[in-house]
C-alpha atoms as a PDB file:
ATOM      1  CA  MET A   1      14.712  -8.051 -15.373  1.00  0.00           C
ATOM      2  CA  ALA A   2      15.028  -4.746 -13.532  1.00  0.00           C
ATOM      3  CA  LYS A   3      17.001  -4.433 -10.334  1.00  0.00           C
ATOM      4  CA  GLU A   4      14.964  -3.724  -7.215  1.00  0.00           C
ATOM      5  CA  GLN A   5      15.315  -0.685  -5.003  1.00  0.00           C
ATOM      6  CA  ALA A   6      16.795  -1.147  -1.533  1.00  0.00           C
ATOM      7  CA  PHE A   7      15.215   0.494   1.529  1.00  0.00           C
ATOM      8  CA  LEU A   8      16.197   1.073   5.134  1.00  0.00           C
ATOM      9  CA  ALA A   9      14.042  -0.230   7.977  1.00  0.00           C
ATOM     10  CA  ASN A  10      12.421   3.230   8.348  1.00  0.00           C
ATOM     11  CA  GLY A  11      11.265   3.177   4.713  1.00  0.00           C
ATOM     12  CA  GLU A  12      13.928   5.517   3.337  1.00  0.00           C
ATOM     13  CA  VAL A  13      15.288   4.764  -0.126  1.00  0.00           C
ATOM     14  CA  VAL A  14      18.933   3.716  -0.191  1.00  0.00           C
ATOM     15  CA  VAL A  15      20.406   5.745  -3.037  1.00  0.00           C
ATOM     16  CA  ASN A  16      22.623   3.875  -5.489  1.00  0.00           C
ATOM     17  CA  VAL A  17      21.871   0.489  -3.952  1.00  0.00           C
ATOM     18  CA  ALA A  18      19.798  -2.085  -5.777  1.00  0.00           C
ATOM     19  CA  PHE A  19      19.660  -5.841  -5.727  1.00  0.00           C
ATOM     20  CA  GLU A  20      18.101  -8.763  -7.417  1.00  0.00           C
ATOM     21  CA  ARG A  21      15.318  -9.939  -5.110  1.00  0.00           C
ATOM     22  CA  ARG A  22      17.063 -13.137  -4.072  1.00  0.00           C
ATOM     23  CA  ASP A  23      20.164 -11.131  -3.046  1.00  0.00           C
ATOM     24  CA  LEU A  24      18.189  -8.576  -1.047  1.00  0.00           C
ATOM     25  CA  ILE A  25      16.017 -10.957   0.948  1.00  0.00           C
ATOM     26  CA  ASP A  26      18.952 -12.177   3.046  1.00  0.00           C
ATOM     27  CA  HIS A  27      20.807  -8.853   3.326  1.00  0.00           C
ATOM     28  CA  PRO A  28      21.053  -7.773   6.977  1.00  0.00           C
ATOM     29  CA  ASP A  29      20.961  -3.999   6.343  1.00  0.00           C
ATOM     30  CA  PHE A  30      18.370  -3.505   3.627  1.00  0.00           C
ATOM     31  CA  LEU A  31      14.741  -4.263   2.851  1.00  0.00           C
ATOM     32  CA  VAL A  32      13.064  -4.960  -0.467  1.00  0.00           C
ATOM     33  CA  GLY A  33      10.251  -2.517  -1.246  1.00  0.00           C
ATOM     34  CA  THR A  34       6.894  -3.755  -2.467  1.00  0.00           C
ATOM     35  CA  VAL A  35       3.665  -2.039  -3.447  1.00  0.00           C
ATOM     36  CA  HIS A  36       0.172  -3.366  -2.825  1.00  0.00           C
ATOM     37  CA  VAL A  37      -2.877  -1.864  -4.518  1.00  0.00           C
ATOM     38  CA  TRP A  38      -6.307  -2.835  -3.199  1.00  0.00           C
ATOM     39  CA  VAL A  39      -9.015  -1.981  -5.703  1.00  0.00           C
ATOM     40  CA  TRP A  40     -12.503  -1.505  -4.295  1.00  0.00           C
ATOM     41  CA  ARG A  41     -15.951  -0.285  -5.295  1.00  0.00           C
ATOM     42  CA  ARG A  42     -19.203   0.622  -3.646  1.00  0.00           C
ATOM     43  CA  GLY A  43     -21.710  -2.216  -3.675  1.00  0.00           C
ATOM     44  CA  VAL A  44     -25.415  -2.249  -2.921  1.00  0.00           C
ATOM     45  CA  SER A  45     -24.780  -3.489   0.624  1.00  0.00           C
ATOM     46  CA  GLY A  46     -21.347  -1.922   1.234  1.00  0.00           C
ATOM     47  CA  ALA A  47     -17.849  -1.942  -0.179  1.00  0.00           C
ATOM     48  CA  GLU A  48     -16.572  -4.774  -2.361  1.00  0.00           C
ATOM     49  CA  VAL A  49     -12.884  -5.598  -2.727  1.00  0.00           C
ATOM     50  CA  PHE A  50     -11.260  -6.861  -5.923  1.00  0.00           C
ATOM     51  CA  VAL A  51      -9.122  -9.965  -5.368  1.00  0.00           C
ATOM     52  CA  GLN A  52      -6.943 -11.823  -7.819  1.00  0.00           C
ATOM     53  CA  LYS A  53      -6.159 -15.505  -7.938  1.00  0.00           C
ATOM     54  CA  ARG A  54      -2.460 -15.865  -8.636  1.00  0.00           C
ATOM     55  CA  SER A  55      -1.478 -17.965 -11.616  1.00  0.00           C
ATOM     56  CA  SER A  56      -0.778 -21.591 -10.807  1.00  0.00           C
ATOM     57  CA  HIS A  57       2.515 -21.089 -12.684  1.00  0.00           C
ATOM     58  CA  LYS A  58       3.854 -18.483 -10.212  1.00  0.00           C
ATOM     59  CA  THR A  59       6.743 -19.659  -8.056  1.00  0.00           C
ATOM     60  CA  VAL A  60       5.482 -17.802  -4.964  1.00  0.00           C
ATOM     61  CA  LYS A  61       2.011 -18.625  -3.640  1.00  0.00           C
ATOM     62  CA  PRO A  62       0.698 -20.199  -6.870  1.00  0.00           C
ATOM     63  CA  GLY A  63      -3.088 -20.434  -7.195  1.00  0.00           C
ATOM     64  CA  MET A  64      -3.766 -18.426  -4.039  1.00  0.00           C
ATOM     65  CA  LEU A  65      -6.122 -15.484  -3.658  1.00  0.00           C
ATOM     66  CA  ASP A  66      -4.250 -12.243  -3.091  1.00  0.00           C
ATOM     67  CA  ILE A  67      -4.029  -8.467  -3.352  1.00  0.00           C
ATOM     68  CA  SER A  68      -5.708  -6.772  -6.345  1.00  0.00           C
ATOM     69  CA  ALA A  69      -2.259  -5.925  -7.762  1.00  0.00           C
ATOM     70  CA  ALA A  70       1.208  -5.960  -6.236  1.00  0.00           C
ATOM     71  CA  GLY A  71       4.883  -6.047  -7.083  1.00  0.00           C
ATOM     72  CA  HIS A  72       8.369  -4.811  -6.368  1.00  0.00           C
ATOM     73  CA  ILE A  73       9.745  -1.302  -6.694  1.00  0.00           C
ATOM     74  CA  ASP A  74      12.400  -1.078  -9.390  1.00  0.00           C
ATOM     75  CA  THR A  75      15.623   0.876  -8.910  1.00  0.00           C
ATOM     76  CA  GLY A  76      14.990   4.623  -8.979  1.00  0.00           C
ATOM     77  CA  GLU A  77      11.212   4.138  -9.118  1.00  0.00           C
ATOM     78  CA  SER A  78       8.880   5.674  -6.551  1.00  0.00           C
ATOM     79  CA  ALA A  79       6.391   3.490  -4.712  1.00  0.00           C
ATOM     80  CA  LEU A  80       3.544   5.358  -6.407  1.00  0.00           C
ATOM     81  CA  SER A  81       5.008   4.827  -9.888  1.00  0.00           C
ATOM     82  CA  ALA A  82       5.526   1.138  -9.113  1.00  0.00           C
ATOM     83  CA  ALA A  83       1.902   0.847  -7.953  1.00  0.00           C
ATOM     84  CA  ILE A  84       0.657   2.405 -11.195  1.00  0.00           C
ATOM     85  CA  ARG A  85       2.918   0.163 -13.305  1.00  0.00           C
ATOM     86  CA  GLU A  86       2.085  -3.078 -11.497  1.00  0.00           C
ATOM     87  CA  THR A  87      -1.665  -2.424 -11.547  1.00  0.00           C
ATOM     88  CA  LYS A  88      -1.605  -1.760 -15.289  1.00  0.00           C
ATOM     89  CA  GLU A  89       0.520  -4.877 -15.921  1.00  0.00           C
ATOM     90  CA  GLU A  90      -1.474  -7.258 -13.740  1.00  0.00           C
ATOM     91  CA  ILE A  91      -5.109  -6.215 -14.192  1.00  0.00           C
ATOM     92  CA  GLY A  92      -5.111  -3.652 -17.017  1.00  0.00           C
ATOM     93  CA  LEU A  93      -6.208  -0.752 -14.813  1.00  0.00           C
ATOM     94  CA  THR A  94      -4.775   2.657 -15.686  1.00  0.00           C
ATOM     95  CA  MET A  95      -4.638   4.850 -12.590  1.00  0.00           C
ATOM     96  CA  GLN A  96      -3.855   8.540 -12.204  1.00  0.00           C
ATOM     97  CA  GLU A  97      -1.499   9.588  -9.390  1.00  0.00           C
ATOM     98  CA  ASP A  98      -3.975  12.040  -7.887  1.00  0.00           C
ATOM     99  CA  GLU A  99      -6.678   9.341  -7.620  1.00  0.00           C
ATOM    100  CA  ILE A 100      -4.627   6.806  -5.669  1.00  0.00           C
ATOM    101  CA  GLU A 101      -4.997   6.879  -1.904  1.00  0.00           C
ATOM    102  CA  PHE A 102      -2.007   6.082   0.275  1.00  0.00           C
ATOM    103  CA  ALA A 103      -3.190   3.664   2.974  1.00  0.00           C
ATOM    104  CA  PHE A 104      -0.105   2.737   5.011  1.00  0.00           C
ATOM    105  CA  ARG A 105       3.489   1.510   4.942  1.00  0.00           C
ATOM    106  CA  LEU A 106       4.346  -1.555   6.973  1.00  0.00           C
ATOM    107  CA  ARG A 107       7.390  -3.696   7.643  1.00  0.00           C
ATOM    108  CA  LYS A 108       6.118  -7.167   6.789  1.00  0.00           C
ATOM    109  CA  THR A 109       6.559  -9.584   9.671  1.00  0.00           C
ATOM    110  CA  ASN A 110       5.744 -12.705   7.680  1.00  0.00           C
ATOM    111  CA  VAL A 111       8.265 -12.037   4.898  1.00  0.00           C
ATOM    112  CA  ALA A 112      11.973 -11.560   5.599  1.00  0.00           C
ATOM    113  CA  ASN A 113      13.366  -8.104   4.827  1.00  0.00           C
ATOM    114  CA  CYS A 114      10.275  -6.639   3.173  1.00  0.00           C
ATOM    115  CA  ILE A 115       8.515  -3.300   3.526  1.00  0.00           C
ATOM    116  CA  ALA A 116       5.139  -2.798   1.830  1.00  0.00           C
ATOM    117  CA  THR A 117       3.590   0.486   0.726  1.00  0.00           C
ATOM    118  CA  VAL A 118      -0.154  -0.037   0.462  1.00  0.00           C
ATOM    119  CA  TYR A 119      -2.617   1.965  -1.629  1.00  0.00           C
ATOM    120  CA  LEU A 120      -6.376   1.989  -2.167  1.00  0.00           C
ATOM    121  CA  TYR A 121      -8.052   2.734  -5.464  1.00  0.00           C
ATOM    122  CA  GLU A 122     -11.794   3.110  -5.947  1.00  0.00           C
ATOM    123  CA  VAL A 123     -13.350   2.102  -9.261  1.00  0.00           C
ATOM    124  CA  GLY A 124     -16.868   2.187 -10.620  1.00  0.00           C
ATOM    125  CA  HIS A 125     -18.950  -0.798 -11.641  1.00  0.00           C
ATOM    126  CA  SER A 126     -17.883  -0.390 -15.265  1.00  0.00           C
ATOM    127  CA  PHE A 127     -14.301  -1.492 -14.480  1.00  0.00           C
ATOM    128  CA  GLU A 128     -13.420  -4.632 -16.458  1.00  0.00           C
ATOM    129  CA  PRO A 129     -10.015  -6.108 -15.657  1.00  0.00           C
ATOM    130  CA  THR A 130      -7.731  -7.550 -18.286  1.00  0.00           C
ATOM    131  CA  PHE A 131      -5.098 -10.040 -17.289  1.00  0.00           C
ATOM    132  CA  ASP A 132      -3.197 -11.707 -20.043  1.00  0.00           C
ATOM    133  CA  ASP A 133       0.389 -11.550 -18.815  1.00  0.00           C
ATOM    134  CA  GLY A 134       0.233 -14.918 -17.079  1.00  0.00           C
ATOM    135  CA  GLU A 135       0.433 -13.556 -13.526  1.00  0.00           C
ATOM    136  CA  VAL A 136      -3.295 -13.624 -12.760  1.00  0.00           C
ATOM    137  CA  GLU A 137      -5.496 -16.676 -13.273  1.00  0.00           C
ATOM    138  CA  ALA A 138      -8.893 -15.306 -12.194  1.00  0.00           C
ATOM    139  CA  VAL A 139     -10.479 -12.377 -10.354  1.00  0.00           C
ATOM    140  CA  SER A 140     -13.368 -11.943  -7.927  1.00  0.00           C
ATOM    141  CA  TRP A 141     -15.195  -9.245  -5.991  1.00  0.00           C
ATOM    142  CA  PHE A 142     -15.772  -9.895  -2.284  1.00  0.00           C
ATOM    143  CA  PRO A 143     -18.057  -7.873  -0.003  1.00  0.00           C
ATOM    144  CA  ILE A 144     -15.836  -6.329   2.659  1.00  0.00           C
ATOM    145  CA  ASP A 145     -17.550  -8.206   5.505  1.00  0.00           C
ATOM    146  CA  GLU A 146     -17.074 -11.558   3.752  1.00  0.00           C
ATOM    147  CA  LEU A 147     -13.416 -10.763   3.088  1.00  0.00           C
ATOM    148  CA  LYS A 148     -12.895  -9.784   6.732  1.00  0.00           C
ATOM    149  CA  GLY A 149     -14.291 -13.153   7.793  1.00  0.00           C
ATOM    150  CA  MET A 150     -12.031 -14.994   5.363  1.00  0.00           C
ATOM    151  CA  LEU A 151      -8.927 -13.161   6.503  1.00  0.00           C
ATOM    152  CA  HIS A 152      -9.262 -14.223  10.134  1.00  0.00           C
ATOM    153  CA  GLU A 153      -7.900 -17.522   8.809  1.00  0.00           C
ATOM    154  CA  PRO A 154      -6.470 -16.702   5.367  1.00  0.00           C
ATOM    155  CA  GLU A 155      -4.876 -20.054   4.632  1.00  0.00           C
ATOM    156  CA  ALA A 156      -8.176 -21.860   5.302  1.00  0.00           C
ATOM    157  CA  HIS A 157      -9.635 -19.806   2.432  1.00  0.00           C
ATOM    158  CA  ASN A 158      -6.650 -20.202   0.072  1.00  0.00           C
ATOM    159  CA  PHE A 159      -5.698 -16.555   0.695  1.00  0.00           C
ATOM    160  CA  SER A 160      -2.122 -15.263   0.955  1.00  0.00           C
ATOM    161  CA  ASN A 161      -1.434 -14.371   4.562  1.00  0.00           C
ATOM    162  CA  HIS A 162       0.026 -10.886   4.960  1.00  0.00           C
ATOM    163  CA  GLY A 163      -0.273 -10.898   8.754  1.00  0.00           C
ATOM    164  CA  LYS A 164      -2.965  -9.898  11.217  1.00  0.00           C
ATOM    165  CA  GLY A 165      -1.582  -6.370  11.676  1.00  0.00           C
ATOM    166  CA  TYR A 166      -1.570  -5.829   7.926  1.00  0.00           C
ATOM    167  CA  PHE A 167      -5.193  -6.915   7.516  1.00  0.00           C
ATOM    168  CA  THR A 168      -6.290  -4.838  10.526  1.00  0.00           C
ATOM    169  CA  LEU A 169      -4.767  -1.699   8.978  1.00  0.00           C
ATOM    170  CA  LEU A 170      -6.222  -2.542   5.574  1.00  0.00           C
ATOM    171  CA  PHE A 171      -9.791  -2.805   6.841  1.00  0.00           C
ATOM    172  CA  GLU A 172      -9.449   0.347   8.949  1.00  0.00           C
ATOM    173  CA  ARG A 173      -8.308   2.276   5.872  1.00  0.00           C
ATOM    174  CA  LEU A 174     -11.026   0.768   3.648  1.00  0.00           C
ATOM    175  CA  GLU A 175     -13.690   1.768   6.165  1.00  0.00           C
ATOM    176  CA  ILE A 176     -12.309   5.311   6.336  1.00  0.00           C
ATOM    177  CA  ALA A 177     -12.124   5.530   2.527  1.00  0.00           C
ATOM    178  CA  GLN A 178     -15.703   4.438   1.972  1.00  0.00           C
ATOM    179  CA  GLY A 179     -16.892   6.818   4.687  1.00  0.00           C
ATOM    180  CA  GLU A 180     -14.983   9.762   3.222  1.00  0.00           C
ATOM    181  CA  ARG A 181     -16.597   9.349  -0.165  1.00  0.00           C
ATOM    182  CA  GLY A 182     -19.968   8.097   0.952  1.00  0.00           C
END
């Protein structure tokens, strides 16, 4: 298992410092870096967002609905490279760097010592996910308005809670993205 890159609170990479996740979570000076990729497409009545159901065998949030693809940044890896790697591993989607849209970076308030770099990626209707690595149990497309409603109370809808501020930023960026290309 690869070591994970350490970050400062301002998002800067800490050179030559890496930890195993369990070591980093409780470290007072460093954050663990994660990447979140939200895959979306244009639907007949607006944007639709691709959501995965985490495998019931996962140790963290088993069986819950969650981000299209996500994971940790390995030592020496950029956030963008980690996003490309994790998305390919989890849902079989090969992305090109110049097609991925940076959405935001946020210090997670509901997870100790974690900073998330969030990306958006638009696909066409021909996209067919593959998930055979045991991390993903099922996938679904949700119209953006339905997903917004669900995420007012994520736990009531078996959805991983990433915090109100996170979801607010996500929907702002999704609305901008669909407007820019629409």
